[in-house]
Protein backbone atom coordinates (compact mmCIF):
# COMPACT_ATOMS: atom_id res chain seq x y z
CA MET A 1 57.47 62.48 -51.36
CA LYS A 2 59.23 61.90 -47.84
CA TYR A 3 56.44 63.48 -46.06
CA ALA A 4 53.74 61.55 -47.95
CA LEU A 5 55.55 58.34 -46.77
CA ILE A 6 55.81 59.60 -43.18
CA LEU A 7 52.13 60.45 -43.25
CA SER A 8 51.10 56.98 -44.72
CA LEU A 9 53.07 55.24 -41.96
CA GLY A 10 51.70 57.41 -39.42
CA LEU A 11 48.07 56.76 -40.50
CA ALA A 12 48.66 53.03 -40.73
CA PHE A 13 50.18 52.99 -37.18
CA ALA A 14 47.15 54.95 -35.87
CA GLY A 15 44.69 52.54 -37.55
CA THR A 16 46.47 49.67 -35.79
CA ILE A 17 46.21 51.30 -32.51
CA ALA A 18 42.54 52.02 -32.92
CA SER A 19 41.71 48.53 -33.77
CA ALA A 20 43.71 47.09 -30.83
CA HIS A 21 40.69 46.49 -28.66
CA ALA A 22 38.51 43.38 -27.87
CA HIS A 23 35.27 44.13 -29.56
CA LEU A 24 32.33 41.80 -29.35
CA ILE A 25 31.90 40.18 -32.79
CA ALA A 26 29.53 37.47 -32.14
CA GLU A 27 27.11 36.38 -29.32
CA VAL A 28 24.82 33.32 -28.56
CA PRO A 29 21.93 34.23 -28.07
CA THR A 30 22.47 36.96 -30.73
CA ASN A 31 21.54 40.57 -30.25
CA ASN A 32 17.86 41.07 -30.64
CA ALA A 33 17.19 37.28 -30.94
CA VAL A 34 13.80 35.76 -29.85
CA VAL A 35 14.50 32.37 -28.39
CA THR A 36 11.87 29.68 -27.40
CA VAL A 37 14.27 27.66 -25.24
CA ALA A 38 16.15 29.83 -22.55
CA PRO A 39 19.99 29.54 -22.78
CA THR A 40 21.91 27.78 -20.13
CA ALA A 41 25.01 29.60 -21.04
CA LEU A 42 26.10 32.68 -23.06
CA GLN A 43 28.85 32.45 -25.63
CA LEU A 44 30.69 35.77 -26.48
CA SER A 45 33.45 36.00 -29.20
CA PHE A 46 35.91 38.94 -29.29
CA SER A 47 37.94 40.29 -32.07
CA GLU A 48 41.06 39.57 -30.04
CA GLY A 49 42.05 37.71 -26.97
CA VAL A 50 40.67 38.63 -23.54
CA ALA A 51 42.05 38.45 -20.01
CA LEU A 52 39.45 36.18 -18.17
CA LYS A 53 39.95 37.83 -14.69
CA PHE A 54 38.93 41.20 -16.06
CA THR A 55 36.16 40.13 -18.44
CA GLY A 56 32.60 39.30 -17.69
CA VAL A 57 28.90 39.90 -18.09
CA LYS A 58 25.80 40.92 -16.09
CA ILE A 59 22.32 39.74 -17.18
CA VAL A 60 19.36 41.67 -16.11
CA GLY A 61 15.90 40.03 -16.59
CA PRO A 62 12.44 41.46 -17.40
CA ASN A 63 11.76 42.12 -13.67
CA LYS A 64 15.10 44.27 -13.49
CA ALA A 65 16.56 41.47 -11.15
CA VAL A 66 20.25 40.48 -11.99
CA VAL A 67 20.32 36.79 -13.34
CA ALA A 68 22.76 34.43 -11.47
CA THR A 69 25.72 33.29 -13.61
CA SER A 70 28.95 31.56 -12.63
CA ALA A 71 32.53 32.68 -13.56
CA GLY A 72 33.13 32.66 -17.27
CA SER A 73 35.72 30.37 -18.95
CA LEU A 74 37.79 30.88 -22.10
CA ASP A 75 37.92 28.23 -24.76
CA PRO A 76 41.32 26.49 -24.02
CA ASN A 77 42.27 26.83 -27.65
CA ASP A 78 40.95 30.45 -28.26
CA ASP A 79 41.15 33.20 -25.82
CA THR A 80 38.75 35.22 -27.90
CA LYS A 81 35.72 32.82 -26.92
CA LEU A 82 34.17 33.30 -23.56
CA THR A 83 31.34 31.11 -22.22
CA VAL A 84 29.26 32.26 -19.19
CA PRO A 85 27.03 29.55 -17.54
CA VAL A 86 23.45 30.85 -16.66
CA PHE A 87 21.83 29.58 -13.44
CA GLY A 88 18.24 29.20 -12.82
CA VAL A 89 15.27 29.32 -15.25
CA LEU A 90 14.94 32.39 -17.47
CA THR A 91 11.31 33.22 -17.68
CA ALA A 92 9.66 34.82 -20.76
CA GLY A 93 10.59 38.46 -21.37
CA VAL A 94 13.56 40.71 -22.46
CA TYR A 95 16.95 40.14 -21.09
CA THR A 96 19.84 42.83 -21.34
CA VAL A 97 23.48 41.57 -21.24
CA ASP A 98 26.19 44.06 -20.16
CA TRP A 99 29.64 42.84 -20.97
CA HIS A 100 33.04 44.24 -20.22
CA ALA A 101 36.25 43.01 -21.43
CA LEU A 102 40.08 43.63 -20.99
CA SER A 103 41.96 42.65 -24.09
CA THR A 104 45.23 40.76 -23.65
CA ASP A 105 47.19 43.97 -24.70
CA GLY A 106 45.55 45.92 -21.84
CA HIS A 107 42.69 47.83 -23.60
CA LYS A 108 39.10 47.88 -21.99
CA THR A 109 35.82 47.76 -23.79
CA HIS A 110 32.28 47.22 -22.96
CA GLY A 111 28.89 47.09 -24.41
CA ARG A 112 25.16 45.86 -24.17
CA TYR A 113 22.90 43.80 -26.20
CA THR A 114 19.50 42.11 -25.63
CA PHE A 115 17.65 39.02 -26.32
CA THR A 116 14.13 37.75 -25.67
CA VAL A 117 12.83 34.40 -24.29
CA HIS A 118 9.39 33.72 -25.76
C-alpha cells in the first residue's frame, strides 16, 4: 500500500514535469490553412506563458526567402499569446513558420507549421 502511494505520487509528479513546456496550441493562420488574404501578422497561442525575449518565429516563403517580420509582442493580459507583425506582401504560395519558445519556467520548445496564400 505504501509503495503504491509512493509510485502514484511519483507518476503524478513526472506527468507535471513533462507537461511543463510551452506547446503551440493554436495559430492564425492555422496549420495547413489556405488563405485568400495574406496575413499582416501571425498569432500564436501557447499552453503556458512564454518569455518574449527568447520566443519568436521565422517565416520562409515559396521562393525560400525569409519573410521580414518585426519583434513579436505578448498580449498585455495573457503571456501565452504572441503576435508577430509581417512586413511586405506575401505572394501566392506555401509559407513555413518555424517557431521557438522559452516558457516562463525555463523550458525550450520549437516547431513548424505551414499555410498557403492562394
